[in-house]
Amino acid sequence: MRSTLEELWHGNISPETDSRTNTPEMKRLMEYMARQYDDLITTMTDEQKDIFERFDDCRSEYASLAEKSIFVYAFRLGANIAIDILSADYRN
C-alpha cells in the first residue's frame, strides 16, 4: 500500500486541477531544449541515437525518482515546521 504522499505524487490525489504552473521562462527553456534535441538527433548515426535514447530514458527515470524523493522530504519538512509552530510554548 502506498503512502498518502506517494498517492499524491502519482496524481491519485489531486489537490487542484492544474498542479503544475509553467512560467514563461520555463516554457522558453522547454522550447530551446526541444530545438537543441532536434539539432542533436539530426547529427547522430542510428547507433548513437539508440545509445542516447537509452541514456535519456535512464536520466528521465532517475529525475522522476529524485523529484519524488524531494517532494516527500519537502512535504514532511513542512509538516514538521507546522507541528513545531503549533506545539511551541511561546512565553515571554
Protein backbone atom coordinates (compact mmCIF):
# COMPACT_ATOMS: atom_id res chain seq x y z
CA MET A 1 0.00 0.00 0.00
CA ARG A 2 1.35 3.43 -0.95
CA SER A 3 1.56 6.28 1.49
CA THR A 4 -0.70 9.29 1.14
CA LEU A 5 2.26 11.34 -0.08
CA GLU A 6 3.06 8.79 -2.78
CA GLU A 7 -0.61 8.72 -3.85
CA LEU A 8 -0.50 12.50 -4.06
CA TRP A 9 2.76 12.35 -6.04
CA HIS A 10 1.36 9.84 -8.55
CA GLY A 11 -1.67 12.00 -9.19
CA ASN A 12 -4.18 9.74 -7.47
CA ILE A 13 -4.98 12.62 -5.11
CA SER A 14 -5.43 15.90 -6.93
CA PRO A 15 -5.44 18.98 -4.68
CA GLU A 16 -6.19 21.20 -7.65
CA THR A 17 -6.95 20.83 -11.31
CA ASP A 18 -3.58 22.00 -12.60
CA SER A 19 -0.83 21.41 -10.07
CA ARG A 20 1.95 22.43 -12.44
CA THR A 21 2.33 26.03 -13.44
CA ASN A 22 4.89 26.57 -16.15
CA THR A 23 6.25 30.08 -16.09
CA PRO A 24 7.08 31.84 -19.36
CA GLU A 25 10.76 31.25 -18.55
CA MET A 26 10.15 27.52 -18.18
CA LYS A 27 8.21 27.40 -21.47
CA ARG A 28 11.03 29.21 -23.30
CA LEU A 29 13.56 26.80 -21.85
CA MET A 30 11.48 23.79 -22.93
CA GLU A 31 11.26 25.19 -26.47
CA TYR A 32 15.01 25.76 -26.51
CA MET A 33 15.66 22.23 -25.26
CA ALA A 34 13.40 20.81 -27.99
CA ARG A 35 15.31 22.72 -30.68
CA GLN A 36 18.65 21.53 -29.29
CA TYR A 37 17.37 17.96 -29.15
CA ASP A 38 16.26 18.12 -32.80
CA ASP A 39 19.62 19.57 -33.86
CA LEU A 40 21.49 16.87 -31.94
CA ILE A 41 19.43 13.97 -33.30
CA THR A 42 19.94 15.04 -36.91
CA THR A 43 23.72 14.76 -36.49
CA MET A 44 23.70 11.25 -34.97
CA THR A 45 24.04 7.84 -36.52
CA ASP A 46 21.36 5.24 -35.77
CA GLU A 47 23.65 3.57 -33.23
CA GLN A 48 24.32 6.89 -31.48
CA LYS A 49 20.59 7.64 -31.42
CA ASP A 50 19.94 4.28 -29.77
CA ILE A 51 22.61 4.89 -27.12
CA PHE A 52 21.35 8.41 -26.50
CA GLU A 53 17.74 7.18 -26.18
CA ARG A 54 18.76 4.61 -23.55
CA PHE A 55 20.75 7.26 -21.70
CA ASP A 56 17.84 9.70 -21.82
CA ASP A 57 15.43 7.04 -20.55
CA CYS A 58 17.72 6.35 -17.58
CA ARG A 59 18.15 10.07 -16.88
CA SER A 60 14.40 10.59 -17.02
CA GLU A 61 13.72 7.70 -14.64
CA TYR A 62 16.38 8.96 -12.23
CA ALA A 63 14.96 12.50 -12.35
CA SER A 64 11.48 11.17 -11.61
CA LEU A 65 12.71 9.18 -8.62
CA ALA A 66 14.72 12.16 -7.34
CA GLU A 67 11.76 14.52 -7.73
CA LYS A 68 9.50 12.14 -5.81
CA SER A 69 12.06 11.87 -3.02
CA ILE A 70 12.45 15.66 -2.83
CA PHE A 71 8.66 16.10 -2.83
CA VAL A 72 8.21 13.68 0.08
CA TYR A 73 11.10 15.24 2.03
CA ALA A 74 9.82 18.79 1.50
CA PHE A 75 6.26 17.85 2.44
CA ARG A 76 7.45 16.19 5.64
CA LEU A 77 9.67 19.16 6.44
CA GLY A 78 6.70 21.48 6.02
CA ALA A 79 4.57 19.28 8.26
CA ASN A 80 7.30 19.21 10.91
CA ILE A 81 7.56 23.01 10.78
CA ALA A 82 3.78 23.25 11.23
CA ILE A 83 3.92 20.83 14.19
CA ASP A 84 6.73 22.84 15.79
CA ILE A 85 4.80 26.08 15.38
CA LEU A 86 1.58 24.62 16.76
CA SER A 87 3.24 22.92 19.72
CA ALA A 88 5.70 25.63 20.69
CA ASP A 89 5.36 27.31 24.04
CA TYR A 90 5.99 30.99 23.39
CA ARG A 91 6.07 32.51 26.85
CA ASN A 92 7.89 35.78 27.03
